[in-house]
Amino acid sequence: MSKPKSILITGGAGFIGSNFIVYFLEKYKNIKVVNLDKLTYAGELSNLNELENNDNYTFVKGDICDTELINELFKTYNFSGVIHFAAESHVDNSIKNPDAFIKTNVNGTFNLIDVAKKHWMEAPFKYKDGCKNNRFHHISTDEVYGTLGETGLFTEDTPYAPNSPYSASKASSDFIVRSYFHTYGMNVVTTNCSNNYGPKQHDEKLIPTIIRKALSKEPIPIYGDGKNIRDWLYVEDHCKGIDLAFQNGLAGETYNVGGKNERDNLYIVHKICEILDGIKPRDCKGSYADLIAFVKDRPGHDFRYAIDASKLENELGWKASENFESGILKTINWYLNKYNS
């Protein structure tokens, strides 16, 4: 019997990465996953508790910027694929500390793909024996495209126009991956997603913050006038899109993954408060919406993001299972369980 394939997944203790690993190992019983995560504030090992007894799962604590470690992992496990989630991703943090974003998102991505190239390729456009189908999948964001006005959608052909240190660092990493396809003929694919939500998201993000503040009866902070619009994607739908692009996407291509669920922040906060009013009413008989507090907008806050995912749908057969209203109910129930346990 042949040895199971090994895949390196970076950043797998984070929100999207942990959801993906659980989904992936459930679907593929003959693939081994090595999860490399630095366990910064956004990485949480408890996100992977359900894999404690899974023989196909290995966790390694480490930094994607550590060339020696990445080399050792490639030698030990002979990876046939990399799915690269590891990134600093919170825009507010990138405004305060942009250097961490450049180190991880730019230098780390370069380090990872360069080590993969050395292990898989003999020369430009010439793979080593048995490595021809090895693939590097880079996970990115719709924020690289900048901001939209009232109408229009981001497509894979939208010019890049990043507006924050975070999105600029992700745009840089996208271009590094693209260059390894065009210069070296490496088998790469990139996916750019819209705003994810669902179980296991870090407490600082918008939706967990709204739920957490409401339950603790604290002011619920909303930037500016709350009119900023995002396209919301349930995390498991994103995982399915990543899997399709990794398995079946064309080398060198980019695929946008979006939920077709444009909602402004005011709608999000009122919807969550309305659901909480129904399933866990406040003692004072008021609505959770009474806690909404508008705060000073953040610098360079993009007005609207929305993704056209028709390439992924038409070419690879992807379809989102959740709309925002069904996904947010699942999400709220998960957080109620978390905060009450």
C-alpha atoms as a PDB file:
ATOM      1  CA  MET A   1       0.000   0.000   0.000  1.00  0.00           C
ATOM      2  CA  SER A   2       1.395   3.427  -0.916  1.00  0.00           C
ATOM      3  CA  LYS A   3       2.191   5.933   1.816  1.00  0.00           C
ATOM      4  CA  PRO A   4      -0.573   8.544   2.385  1.00  0.00           C
ATOM      5  CA  LYS A   5       0.064  11.976   0.876  1.00  0.00           C
ATOM      6  CA  SER A   6       1.184  14.682   3.309  1.00  0.00           C
ATOM      7  CA  ILE A   7      -0.037  18.272   3.061  1.00  0.00           C
ATOM      8  CA  LEU A   8       1.414  21.248   4.942  1.00  0.00           C
ATOM      9  CA  ILE A   9      -1.234  23.655   6.205  1.00  0.00           C
ATOM     10  CA  THR A  10       0.065  26.896   7.719  1.00  0.00           C
ATOM     11  CA  GLY A  11      -1.949  28.931  10.204  1.00  0.00           C
ATOM     12  CA  GLY A  12      -4.232  26.001  10.896  1.00  0.00           C
ATOM     13  CA  ALA A  13      -4.971  27.012  14.503  1.00  0.00           C
ATOM     14  CA  GLY A  14      -6.637  30.220  13.321  1.00  0.00           C
ATOM     15  CA  PHE A  15     -10.292  30.737  12.455  1.00  0.00           C
ATOM     16  CA  ILE A  16     -10.464  29.687   8.796  1.00  0.00           C
ATOM     17  CA  GLY A  17      -7.513  27.286   8.945  1.00  0.00           C
ATOM     18  CA  SER A  18      -8.931  25.253  11.845  1.00  0.00           C
ATOM     19  CA  ASN A  19     -12.358  24.998  10.212  1.00  0.00           C
ATOM     20  CA  PHE A  20     -10.637  23.903   6.999  1.00  0.00           C
ATOM     21  CA  ILE A  21      -8.462  21.195   8.586  1.00  0.00           C
ATOM     22  CA  VAL A  22     -11.469  19.617  10.331  1.00  0.00           C
ATOM     23  CA  TYR A  23     -13.442  19.704   7.058  1.00  0.00           C
ATOM     24  CA  PHE A  24     -10.502  18.374   4.996  1.00  0.00           C
ATOM     25  CA  LEU A  25      -9.614  15.465   7.280  1.00  0.00           C
ATOM     26  CA  GLU A  26     -13.259  14.467   7.519  1.00  0.00           C
ATOM     27  CA  LYS A  27     -13.461  14.360   3.717  1.00  0.00           C
ATOM     28  CA  TYR A  28     -10.059  12.775   2.914  1.00  0.00           C
ATOM     29  CA  LYS A  29      -9.225   9.790   5.103  1.00  0.00           C
ATOM     30  CA  ASN A  30      -5.977   8.997   3.232  1.00  0.00           C
ATOM     31  CA  ILE A  31      -4.215  12.368   3.495  1.00  0.00           C
ATOM     32  CA  LYS A  32      -1.950  13.394   6.371  1.00  0.00           C
ATOM     33  CA  VAL A  33      -2.048  17.032   7.494  1.00  0.00           C
ATOM     34  CA  VAL A  34       0.814  18.812   9.245  1.00  0.00           C
ATOM     35  CA  ASN A  35      -0.436  22.048  10.804  1.00  0.00           C
ATOM     36  CA  LEU A  36       2.301  24.662  11.271  1.00  0.00           C
ATOM     37  CA  ASP A  37       1.161  27.564  13.440  1.00  0.00           C
ATOM     38  CA  LYS A  38       3.075  30.150  15.455  1.00  0.00           C
ATOM     39  CA  LEU A  39       0.171  30.417  17.942  1.00  0.00           C
ATOM     40  CA  THR A  40       0.109  34.209  18.029  1.00  0.00           C
ATOM     41  CA  TYR A  41      -2.928  35.782  19.732  1.00  0.00           C
ATOM     42  CA  ALA A  42      -5.262  34.637  16.889  1.00  0.00           C
ATOM     43  CA  GLY A  43      -4.156  30.973  16.966  1.00  0.00           C
ATOM     44  CA  GLU A  44      -6.079  28.743  19.358  1.00  0.00           C
ATOM     45  CA  LEU A  45      -5.245  25.051  19.737  1.00  0.00           C
ATOM     46  CA  SER A  46      -8.659  24.340  21.265  1.00  0.00           C
ATOM     47  CA  ASN A  47     -10.068  25.068  17.775  1.00  0.00           C
ATOM     48  CA  LEU A  48      -8.738  21.603  16.865  1.00  0.00           C
ATOM     49  CA  ASN A  49      -9.834  19.609  19.924  1.00  0.00           C
ATOM     50  CA  GLU A  50     -11.886  17.253  17.744  1.00  0.00           C
ATOM     51  CA  LEU A  51      -8.667  16.051  16.048  1.00  0.00           C
ATOM     52  CA  GLU A  52      -6.872  14.947  19.230  1.00  0.00           C
ATOM     53  CA  ASN A  53      -7.134  11.255  18.341  1.00  0.00           C
ATOM     54  CA  ASN A  54      -6.772  11.604  14.559  1.00  0.00           C
ATOM     55  CA  ASP A  55      -3.648   9.741  13.368  1.00  0.00           C
ATOM     56  CA  ASN A  56      -3.592  11.781  10.152  1.00  0.00           C
ATOM     57  CA  TYR A  57      -3.106  15.066  12.027  1.00  0.00           C
ATOM     58  CA  THR A  58       0.174  16.502  13.373  1.00  0.00           C
ATOM     59  CA  PHE A  59       0.648  19.920  14.999  1.00  0.00           C
ATOM     60  CA  VAL A  60       3.982  21.768  14.830  1.00  0.00           C
ATOM     61  CA  LYS A  61       4.479  25.082  16.633  1.00  0.00           C
ATOM     62  CA  GLY A  62       6.659  27.336  14.488  1.00  0.00           C
ATOM     63  CA  ASP A  63       7.053  30.390  12.298  1.00  0.00           C
ATOM     64  CA  ILE A  64       6.751  30.426   8.497  1.00  0.00           C
ATOM     65  CA  CYS A  65       9.715  32.852   8.503  1.00  0.00           C
ATOM     66  CA  ASP A  66      11.970  30.125   9.969  1.00  0.00           C
ATOM     67  CA  THR A  67      13.708  28.734   6.861  1.00  0.00           C
ATOM     68  CA  GLU A  68      15.496  25.950   8.725  1.00  0.00           C
ATOM     69  CA  LEU A  69      12.264  24.665  10.257  1.00  0.00           C
ATOM     70  CA  ILE A  70      10.373  24.749   6.922  1.00  0.00           C
ATOM     71  CA  ASN A  71      13.232  22.860   5.258  1.00  0.00           C
ATOM     72  CA  GLU A  72      13.213  20.213   7.988  1.00  0.00           C
ATOM     73  CA  LEU A  73       9.440  19.751   7.679  1.00  0.00           C
ATOM     74  CA  PHE A  74       9.694  19.295   3.898  1.00  0.00           C
ATOM     75  CA  LYS A  75      12.487  16.730   4.347  1.00  0.00           C
ATOM     76  CA  THR A  76      10.615  14.829   7.069  1.00  0.00           C
ATOM     77  CA  TYR A  77       7.138  14.746   5.516  1.00  0.00           C
ATOM     78  CA  ASN A  78       7.824  15.067   1.778  1.00  0.00           C
ATOM     79  CA  PHE A  79       4.790  17.326   1.285  1.00  0.00           C
ATOM     80  CA  SER A  80       2.854  17.042  -1.955  1.00  0.00           C
ATOM     81  CA  GLY A  81       0.935  20.242  -1.255  1.00  0.00           C
ATOM     82  CA  VAL A  82       0.908  23.432   0.792  1.00  0.00           C
ATOM     83  CA  ILE A  83      -2.246  25.324   1.759  1.00  0.00           C
ATOM     84  CA  HIS A  84      -1.075  28.635   3.155  1.00  0.00           C
ATOM     85  CA  PHE A  85      -3.447  30.376   5.591  1.00  0.00           C
ATOM     86  CA  ALA A  86      -0.866  31.829   7.999  1.00  0.00           C
ATOM     87  CA  ALA A  87      -1.188  35.618   8.028  1.00  0.00           C
ATOM     88  CA  GLU A  88      -1.594  38.609  10.246  1.00  0.00           C
ATOM     89  CA  SER A  89      -5.093  39.665   9.299  1.00  0.00           C
ATOM     90  CA  HIS A  90      -6.656  42.293  11.543  1.00  0.00           C
ATOM     91  CA  VAL A  91      -6.786  45.692   9.828  1.00  0.00           C
ATOM     92  CA  ASP A  92      -6.813  47.697  13.086  1.00  0.00           C
ATOM     93  CA  ASN A  93      -3.644  45.917  14.220  1.00  0.00           C
ATOM     94  CA  SER A  94      -1.989  46.611  10.858  1.00  0.00           C
ATOM     95  CA  ILE A  95      -2.596  50.336  11.364  1.00  0.00           C
ATOM     96  CA  LYS A  96      -0.890  50.215  14.788  1.00  0.00           C
ATOM     97  CA  ASN A  97       1.902  47.698  14.000  1.00  0.00           C
ATOM     98  CA  PRO A  98       2.439  47.344  10.239  1.00  0.00           C
ATOM     99  CA  ASP A  99       5.883  45.738  10.633  1.00  0.00           C
ATOM    100  CA  ALA A 100       4.451  42.405  11.876  1.00  0.00           C
ATOM    101  CA  PHE A 101       2.266  42.266   8.744  1.00  0.00           C
ATOM    102  CA  ILE A 102       5.203  42.780   6.385  1.00  0.00           C
ATOM    103  CA  LYS A 103       7.289  40.140   8.198  1.00  0.00           C
ATOM    104  CA  THR A 104       4.637  37.420   8.258  1.00  0.00           C
ATOM    105  CA  ASN A 105       2.586  38.105   5.154  1.00  0.00           C
ATOM    106  CA  VAL A 106       5.369  39.142   2.758  1.00  0.00           C
ATOM    107  CA  ASN A 107       8.597  37.582   4.060  1.00  0.00           C
ATOM    108  CA  GLY A 108       6.838  34.495   5.435  1.00  0.00           C
ATOM    109  CA  THR A 109       5.021  33.767   2.171  1.00  0.00           C
ATOM    110  CA  PHE A 110       8.242  34.222   0.204  1.00  0.00           C
ATOM    111  CA  ASN A 111      10.120  31.882   2.552  1.00  0.00           C
ATOM    112  CA  LEU A 112       7.453  29.202   2.336  1.00  0.00           C
ATOM    113  CA  ILE A 113       7.061  29.173  -1.443  1.00  0.00           C
ATOM    114  CA  ASP A 114      10.812  29.389  -2.013  1.00  0.00           C
ATOM    115  CA  VAL A 115      11.479  26.341   0.179  1.00  0.00           C
ATOM    116  CA  ALA A 116       8.654  24.471  -1.621  1.00  0.00           C
ATOM    117  CA  LYS A 117      10.221  25.342  -4.989  1.00  0.00           C
ATOM    118  CA  LYS A 118      13.644  24.042  -3.911  1.00  0.00           C
ATOM    119  CA  HIS A 119      12.146  20.754  -2.716  1.00  0.00           C
ATOM    120  CA  TRP A 120       9.863  20.202  -5.701  1.00  0.00           C
ATOM    121  CA  MET A 121      11.749  21.642  -8.686  1.00  0.00           C
ATOM    122  CA  GLU A 122      15.118  21.010 -10.357  1.00  0.00           C
ATOM    123  CA  ALA A 123      15.039  24.108 -12.537  1.00  0.00           C
ATOM    124  CA  PRO A 124      12.476  26.591 -13.864  1.00  0.00           C
ATOM    125  CA  PHE A 125       9.590  24.640 -15.436  1.00  0.00           C
ATOM    126  CA  LYS A 126      11.235  21.322 -14.503  1.00  0.00           C
ATOM    127  CA  TYR A 127       9.785  19.360 -11.607  1.00  0.00           C
ATOM    128  CA  LYS A 128      11.686  16.656  -9.720  1.00  0.00           C
ATOM    129  CA  ASP A 129      10.460  13.074 -10.209  1.00  0.00           C
ATOM    130  CA  GLY A 130       7.104  12.519  -8.543  1.00  0.00           C
ATOM    131  CA  CYS A 131       6.566  16.235  -7.824  1.00  0.00           C
ATOM    132  CA  LYS A 132       4.768  17.307 -11.004  1.00  0.00           C
ATOM    133  CA  ASN A 133       1.341  17.457  -9.335  1.00  0.00           C
ATOM    134  CA  ASN A 134       2.541  19.113  -6.128  1.00  0.00           C
ATOM    135  CA  ARG A 135       0.649  22.340  -5.514  1.00  0.00           C
ATOM    136  CA  PHE A 136       1.046  25.549  -3.496  1.00  0.00           C
ATOM    137  CA  HIS A 137      -2.335  27.099  -2.618  1.00  0.00           C
ATOM    138  CA  HIS A 138      -2.235  30.667  -1.297  1.00  0.00           C
ATOM    139  CA  ILE A 139      -5.213  31.985   0.700  1.00  0.00           C
ATOM    140  CA  SER A 140      -5.844  35.704   0.222  1.00  0.00           C
ATOM    141  CA  THR A 141      -8.529  38.342   0.672  1.00  0.00           C
ATOM    142  CA  ASP A 142     -10.828  40.620  -1.328  1.00  0.00           C
ATOM    143  CA  GLU A 143      -9.247  43.597   0.463  1.00  0.00           C
ATOM    144  CA  VAL A 144      -6.376  43.580  -2.063  1.00  0.00           C
ATOM    145  CA  TYR A 145      -8.829  45.040  -4.598  1.00  0.00           C
ATOM    146  CA  GLY A 146      -9.435  48.186  -2.548  1.00  0.00           C
ATOM    147  CA  THR A 147     -12.917  49.583  -2.162  1.00  0.00           C
ATOM    148  CA  LEU A 148     -16.089  49.678  -4.277  1.00  0.00           C
ATOM    149  CA  GLY A 149     -18.675  52.418  -4.726  1.00  0.00           C
ATOM    150  CA  GLU A 150     -22.408  51.745  -4.490  1.00  0.00           C
ATOM    151  CA  THR A 151     -22.359  49.266  -7.389  1.00  0.00           C
ATOM    152  CA  GLY A 152     -20.095  46.715  -9.046  1.00  0.00           C
ATOM    153  CA  LEU A 153     -18.310  43.555  -7.891  1.00  0.00           C
ATOM    154  CA  PHE A 154     -14.694  42.455  -7.534  1.00  0.00           C
ATOM    155  CA  THR A 155     -13.715  39.918 -10.182  1.00  0.00           C
ATOM    156  CA  GLU A 156     -10.422  38.098 -10.659  1.00  0.00           C
ATOM    157  CA  ASP A 157      -9.505  40.817 -13.191  1.00  0.00           C
ATOM    158  CA  THR A 158     -10.114  43.774 -10.869  1.00  0.00           C
ATOM    159  CA  PRO A 159      -6.877  45.813 -10.551  1.00  0.00           C
ATOM    160  CA  TYR A 160      -5.237  45.676  -7.134  1.00  0.00           C
ATOM    161  CA  ALA A 161      -5.597  48.844  -5.017  1.00  0.00           C
ATOM    162  CA  PRO A 162      -4.916  47.932  -1.367  1.00  0.00           C
ATOM    163  CA  ASN A 163      -5.669  50.697   1.147  1.00  0.00           C
ATOM    164  CA  SER A 164      -4.373  49.399   4.507  1.00  0.00           C
ATOM    165  CA  PRO A 165      -0.984  47.991   5.573  1.00  0.00           C
ATOM    166  CA  TYR A 166      -2.781  44.630   5.964  1.00  0.00           C
ATOM    167  CA  SER A 167      -4.208  44.567   2.443  1.00  0.00           C
ATOM    168  CA  ALA A 168      -0.946  45.898   0.993  1.00  0.00           C
ATOM    169  CA  SER A 169       0.957  43.035   2.637  1.00  0.00           C
ATOM    170  CA  LYS A 170      -1.544  40.492   1.279  1.00  0.00           C
ATOM    171  CA  ALA A 171      -1.336  42.040  -2.199  1.00  0.00           C
ATOM    172  CA  SER A 172       2.456  41.700  -2.025  1.00  0.00           C
ATOM    173  CA  SER A 173       2.182  38.032  -1.063  1.00  0.00           C
ATOM    174  CA  ASP A 174      -0.277  37.401  -3.925  1.00  0.00           C
ATOM    175  CA  PHE A 175       2.228  38.860  -6.377  1.00  0.00           C
ATOM    176  CA  ILE A 176       5.080  36.764  -4.972  1.00  0.00           C
ATOM    177  CA  VAL A 177       3.011  33.603  -5.533  1.00  0.00           C
ATOM    178  CA  ARG A 178       2.031  34.776  -9.031  1.00  0.00           C
ATOM    179  CA  SER A 179       5.697  35.390  -9.900  1.00  0.00           C
ATOM    180  CA  TYR A 180       6.652  31.815  -8.950  1.00  0.00           C
ATOM    181  CA  PHE A 181       4.129  30.550 -11.500  1.00  0.00           C
ATOM    182  CA  HIS A 182       5.290  32.843 -14.300  1.00  0.00           C
ATOM    183  CA  THR A 183       9.051  32.701 -13.599  1.00  0.00           C
ATOM    184  CA  TYR A 184       9.520  29.119 -12.421  1.00  0.00           C
ATOM    185  CA  GLY A 185       6.427  27.332 -13.728  1.00  0.00           C
ATOM    186  CA  MET A 186       5.380  26.380 -10.201  1.00  0.00           C
ATOM    187  CA  ASN A 187       1.942  24.810  -9.743  1.00  0.00           C
ATOM    188  CA  VAL A 188       0.231  27.541  -7.700  1.00  0.00           C
ATOM    189  CA  VAL A 189      -3.342  28.630  -7.170  1.00  0.00           C
ATOM    190  CA  THR A 190      -4.704  31.619  -5.198  1.00  0.00           C
ATOM    191  CA  THR A 191      -8.126  32.183  -3.677  1.00  0.00           C
ATOM    192  CA  ASN A 192      -9.376  35.617  -2.585  1.00  0.00           C
ATOM    193  CA  CYS A 193     -12.316  35.532  -0.188  1.00  0.00           C
ATOM    194  CA  SER A 194     -14.816  37.976   1.209  1.00  0.00           C
ATOM    195  CA  ASN A 195     -15.478  38.488   4.950  1.00  0.00           C
ATOM    196  CA  ASN A 196     -15.774  35.140   6.720  1.00  0.00           C
ATOM    197  CA  TYR A 197     -17.901  34.471   9.781  1.00  0.00           C
ATOM    198  CA  GLY A 198     -18.883  31.380  11.742  1.00  0.00           C
ATOM    199  CA  PRO A 199     -17.617  29.195  14.611  1.00  0.00           C
ATOM    200  CA  LYS A 200     -14.102  29.639  16.055  1.00  0.00           C
ATOM    201  CA  GLN A 201     -13.564  33.232  14.908  1.00  0.00           C
ATOM    202  CA  HIS A 202     -11.316  35.346  17.127  1.00  0.00           C
ATOM    203  CA  ASP A 203     -13.216  37.396  19.727  1.00  0.00           C
ATOM    204  CA  GLU A 204     -11.917  40.739  18.368  1.00  0.00           C
ATOM    205  CA  LYS A 205     -13.656  40.436  14.984  1.00  0.00           C
ATOM    206  CA  LEU A 206     -16.953  42.230  14.284  1.00  0.00           C
ATOM    207  CA  ILE A 207     -19.536  39.450  14.694  1.00  0.00           C
ATOM    208  CA  PRO A 208     -18.009  37.794  17.813  1.00  0.00           C
ATOM    209  CA  THR A 209     -17.555  41.297  19.309  1.00  0.00           C
ATOM    210  CA  ILE A 210     -21.225  42.148  18.789  1.00  0.00           C
ATOM    211  CA  ILE A 211     -22.345  38.850  20.387  1.00  0.00           C
ATOM    212  CA  ARG A 212     -19.846  39.070  23.277  1.00  0.00           C
ATOM    213  CA  LYS A 213     -20.595  42.721  24.121  1.00  0.00           C
ATOM    214  CA  ALA A 214     -24.354  42.144  23.928  1.00  0.00           C
ATOM    215  CA  LEU A 215     -24.223  39.156  26.283  1.00  0.00           C
ATOM    216  CA  SER A 216     -22.034  41.040  28.762  1.00  0.00           C
ATOM    217  CA  LYS A 217     -24.375  44.095  28.531  1.00  0.00           C
ATOM    218  CA  GLU A 218     -21.553  46.383  27.392  1.00  0.00           C
ATOM    219  CA  PRO A 219     -21.754  49.041  24.651  1.00  0.00           C
ATOM    220  CA  ILE A 220     -21.568  47.396  21.200  1.00  0.00           C
ATOM    221  CA  PRO A 221     -19.060  49.510  19.191  1.00  0.00           C
ATOM    222  CA  ILE A 222     -19.882  50.239  15.523  1.00  0.00           C
ATOM    223  CA  TYR A 223     -17.483  52.319  13.409  1.00  0.00           C
ATOM    224  CA  GLY A 224     -18.662  55.621  11.899  1.00  0.00           C
ATOM    225  CA  ASP A 225     -22.284  55.528  10.758  1.00  0.00           C
ATOM    226  CA  GLY A 226     -22.393  51.725  10.371  1.00  0.00           C
ATOM    227  CA  LYS A 227     -23.014  51.995   6.624  1.00  0.00           C
ATOM    228  CA  ASN A 228     -19.847  50.146   5.514  1.00  0.00           C
ATOM    229  CA  ILE A 229     -20.844  47.105   3.442  1.00  0.00           C
ATOM    230  CA  ARG A 230     -19.200  43.677   3.343  1.00  0.00           C
ATOM    231  CA  ASP A 231     -20.000  40.474   1.471  1.00  0.00           C
ATOM    232  CA  TRP A 232     -20.370  37.809   4.188  1.00  0.00           C
ATOM    233  CA  LEU A 233     -19.226  34.229   3.598  1.00  0.00           C
ATOM    234  CA  TYR A 234     -19.992  31.394   6.019  1.00  0.00           C
ATOM    235  CA  VAL A 235     -16.669  29.742   6.884  1.00  0.00           C
ATOM    236  CA  GLU A 236     -17.674  26.196   5.867  1.00  0.00           C
ATOM    237  CA  ASP A 237     -18.722  27.454   2.422  1.00  0.00           C
ATOM    238  CA  HIS A 238     -15.258  29.012   2.136  1.00  0.00           C
ATOM    239  CA  CYS A 239     -13.650  25.680   3.133  1.00  0.00           C
ATOM    240  CA  LYS A 240     -15.520  23.923   0.323  1.00  0.00           C
ATOM    241  CA  GLY A 241     -14.312  26.557  -2.167  1.00  0.00           C
ATOM    242  CA  ILE A 242     -10.696  26.209  -1.028  1.00  0.00           C
ATOM    243  CA  ASP A 243     -10.866  22.432  -1.375  1.00  0.00           C
ATOM    244  CA  LEU A 244     -12.280  22.689  -4.913  1.00  0.00           C
ATOM    245  CA  ALA A 245      -9.600  25.170  -6.006  1.00  0.00           C
ATOM    246  CA  PHE A 246      -6.812  23.114  -4.390  1.00  0.00           C
ATOM    247  CA  GLN A 247      -7.956  19.852  -5.988  1.00  0.00           C
ATOM    248  CA  ASN A 248      -9.286  21.043  -9.358  1.00  0.00           C
ATOM    249  CA  GLY A 249      -8.229  24.663 -10.004  1.00  0.00           C
ATOM    250  CA  LEU A 250      -6.022  25.448 -12.996  1.00  0.00           C
ATOM    251  CA  ALA A 251      -2.358  26.192 -12.204  1.00  0.00           C
ATOM    252  CA  GLY A 252      -1.614  29.914 -12.077  1.00  0.00           C
ATOM    253  CA  GLU A 253      -5.276  30.870 -11.710  1.00  0.00           C
ATOM    254  CA  THR A 254      -7.001  32.982  -9.069  1.00  0.00           C
ATOM    255  CA  TYR A 255     -10.503  32.180  -7.814  1.00  0.00           C
ATOM    256  CA  ASN A 256     -12.715  34.576  -5.861  1.00  0.00           C
ATOM    257  CA  VAL A 257     -14.866  33.065  -3.101  1.00  0.00           C
ATOM    258  CA  GLY A 258     -17.795  35.244  -2.017  1.00  0.00           C
ATOM    259  CA  GLY A 259     -21.085  34.721  -0.269  1.00  0.00           C
ATOM    260  CA  LYS A 260     -23.366  37.009  -2.329  1.00  0.00           C
ATOM    261  CA  ASN A 261     -24.504  38.290   1.055  1.00  0.00           C
ATOM    262  CA  GLU A 262     -23.890  42.022   1.075  1.00  0.00           C
ATOM    263  CA  ARG A 263     -24.914  43.542   4.385  1.00  0.00           C
ATOM    264  CA  ASP A 264     -23.948  46.802   6.048  1.00  0.00           C
ATOM    265  CA  ASN A 265     -22.681  46.818   9.631  1.00  0.00           C
ATOM    266  CA  LEU A 266     -25.922  48.369  10.921  1.00  0.00           C
ATOM    267  CA  TYR A 267     -27.931  45.474   9.483  1.00  0.00           C
ATOM    268  CA  ILE A 268     -25.487  42.956  11.008  1.00  0.00           C
ATOM    269  CA  VAL A 269     -25.683  44.410  14.508  1.00  0.00           C
ATOM    270  CA  HIS A 270     -29.483  44.806  14.439  1.00  0.00           C
ATOM    271  CA  LYS A 271     -29.958  41.264  13.090  1.00  0.00           C
ATOM    272  CA  ILE A 272     -27.779  39.760  15.817  1.00  0.00           C
ATOM    273  CA  CYS A 273     -29.558  41.790  18.520  1.00  0.00           C
ATOM    274  CA  GLU A 274     -32.964  40.736  17.141  1.00  0.00           C
ATOM    275  CA  ILE A 275     -31.982  37.021  17.212  1.00  0.00           C
ATOM    276  CA  LEU A 276     -30.567  37.352  20.742  1.00  0.00           C
ATOM    277  CA  ASP A 277     -33.749  39.149  21.872  1.00  0.00           C
ATOM    278  CA  GLY A 278     -35.646  36.045  20.741  1.00  0.00           C
ATOM    279  CA  ILE A 279     -33.438  33.285  22.146  1.00  0.00           C
ATOM    280  CA  LYS A 280     -31.853  34.940  25.221  1.00  0.00           C
ATOM    281  CA  PRO A 281     -33.915  38.019  26.171  1.00  0.00           C
ATOM    282  CA  ARG A 282     -32.362  40.713  28.367  1.00  0.00           C
ATOM    283  CA  ASP A 283     -33.391  40.810  32.035  1.00  0.00           C
ATOM    284  CA  CYS A 284     -34.415  44.486  31.758  1.00  0.00           C
ATOM    285  CA  LYS A 285     -36.957  43.759  28.992  1.00  0.00           C
ATOM    286  CA  GLY A 286     -35.134  46.177  26.653  1.00  0.00           C
ATOM    287  CA  SER A 287     -33.524  45.128  23.363  1.00  0.00           C
ATOM    288  CA  TYR A 288     -29.843  44.333  22.943  1.00  0.00           C
ATOM    289  CA  ALA A 289     -29.969  46.992  20.214  1.00  0.00           C
ATOM    290  CA  ASP A 290     -30.120  49.626  22.987  1.00  0.00           C
ATOM    291  CA  LEU A 291     -26.428  48.845  23.614  1.00  0.00           C
ATOM    292  CA  ILE A 292     -25.288  49.920  20.116  1.00  0.00           C
ATOM    293  CA  ALA A 293     -22.718  52.747  20.376  1.00  0.00           C
ATOM    294  CA  PHE A 294     -21.193  54.515  17.376  1.00  0.00           C
ATOM    295  CA  VAL A 295     -17.435  55.094  17.662  1.00  0.00           C
ATOM    296  CA  LYS A 296     -14.914  57.093  15.634  1.00  0.00           C
ATOM    297  CA  ASP A 297     -14.301  55.485  12.241  1.00  0.00           C
ATOM    298  CA  ARG A 298     -10.954  53.836  11.644  1.00  0.00           C
ATOM    299  CA  PRO A 299      -8.458  55.476   9.234  1.00  0.00           C
ATOM    300  CA  GLY A 300      -8.830  54.451   5.571  1.00  0.00           C
ATOM    301  CA  HIS A 301     -11.964  52.380   6.246  1.00  0.00           C
ATOM    302  CA  ASP A 302     -13.019  50.908   2.878  1.00  0.00           C
ATOM    303  CA  PHE A 303     -16.676  51.600   2.096  1.00  0.00           C
ATOM    304  CA  ARG A 304     -17.784  48.422   0.353  1.00  0.00           C
ATOM    305  CA  TYR A 305     -16.459  45.012  -0.690  1.00  0.00           C
ATOM    306  CA  ALA A 306     -18.414  42.527  -2.796  1.00  0.00           C
ATOM    307  CA  ILE A 307     -17.171  39.509  -4.714  1.00  0.00           C
ATOM    308  CA  ASP A 308     -18.240  37.947  -7.974  1.00  0.00           C
ATOM    309  CA  ALA A 309     -17.644  34.210  -7.418  1.00  0.00           C
ATOM    310  CA  SER A 310     -19.034  33.117 -10.799  1.00  0.00           C
ATOM    311  CA  LYS A 311     -15.653  31.796 -12.029  1.00  0.00           C
ATOM    312  CA  LEU A 312     -15.466  29.370  -9.070  1.00  0.00           C
ATOM    313  CA  GLU A 313     -19.141  28.466  -9.539  1.00  0.00           C
ATOM    314  CA  ASN A 314     -19.026  27.970 -13.316  1.00  0.00           C
ATOM    315  CA  GLU A 315     -15.589  26.348 -13.689  1.00  0.00           C
ATOM    316  CA  LEU A 316     -15.358  24.284 -10.485  1.00  0.00           C
ATOM    317  CA  GLY A 317     -19.010  23.830  -9.478  1.00  0.00           C
ATOM    318  CA  TRP A 318     -18.873  25.687  -6.142  1.00  0.00           C
ATOM    319  CA  LYS A 319     -22.051  26.921  -4.498  1.00  0.00           C
ATOM    320  CA  ALA A 320     -22.578  28.562  -1.111  1.00  0.00           C
ATOM    321  CA  SER A 321     -24.918  26.536   1.110  1.00  0.00           C
ATOM    322  CA  GLU A 322     -25.658  29.300   3.633  1.00  0.00           C
ATOM    323  CA  ASN A 323     -27.142  32.743   3.208  1.00  0.00           C
ATOM    324  CA  PHE A 324     -26.377  35.311   5.899  1.00  0.00           C
ATOM    325  CA  GLU A 325     -29.579  34.713   7.818  1.00  0.00           C
ATOM    326  CA  SER A 326     -29.097  30.928   8.087  1.00  0.00           C
ATOM    327  CA  GLY A 327     -25.354  31.205   8.777  1.00  0.00           C
ATOM    328  CA  ILE A 328     -25.679  33.875  11.468  1.00  0.00           C
ATOM    329  CA  LEU A 329     -28.151  31.748  13.435  1.00  0.00           C
ATOM    330  CA  LYS A 330     -25.669  28.821  13.473  1.00  0.00           C
ATOM    331  CA  THR A 331     -22.910  31.249  14.453  1.00  0.00           C
ATOM    332  CA  ILE A 332     -24.842  32.841  17.334  1.00  0.00           C
ATOM    333  CA  ASN A 333     -25.765  29.422  18.729  1.00  0.00           C
ATOM    334  CA  TRP A 334     -22.099  28.349  18.619  1.00  0.00           C
ATOM    335  CA  TYR A 335     -21.003  31.488  20.519  1.00  0.00           C
ATOM    336  CA  LEU A 336     -23.822  31.175  23.073  1.00  0.00           C
ATOM    337  CA  ASN A 337     -22.523  27.695  23.771  1.00  0.00           C
ATOM    338  CA  LYS A 338     -18.910  28.957  23.990  1.00  0.00           C
ATOM    339  CA  TYR A 339     -19.638  31.922  26.272  1.00  0.00           C
ATOM    340  CA  ASN A 340     -21.949  29.912  28.528  1.00  0.00           C
ATOM    341  CA  SER A 341     -19.536  26.983  28.946  1.00  0.00           C
END
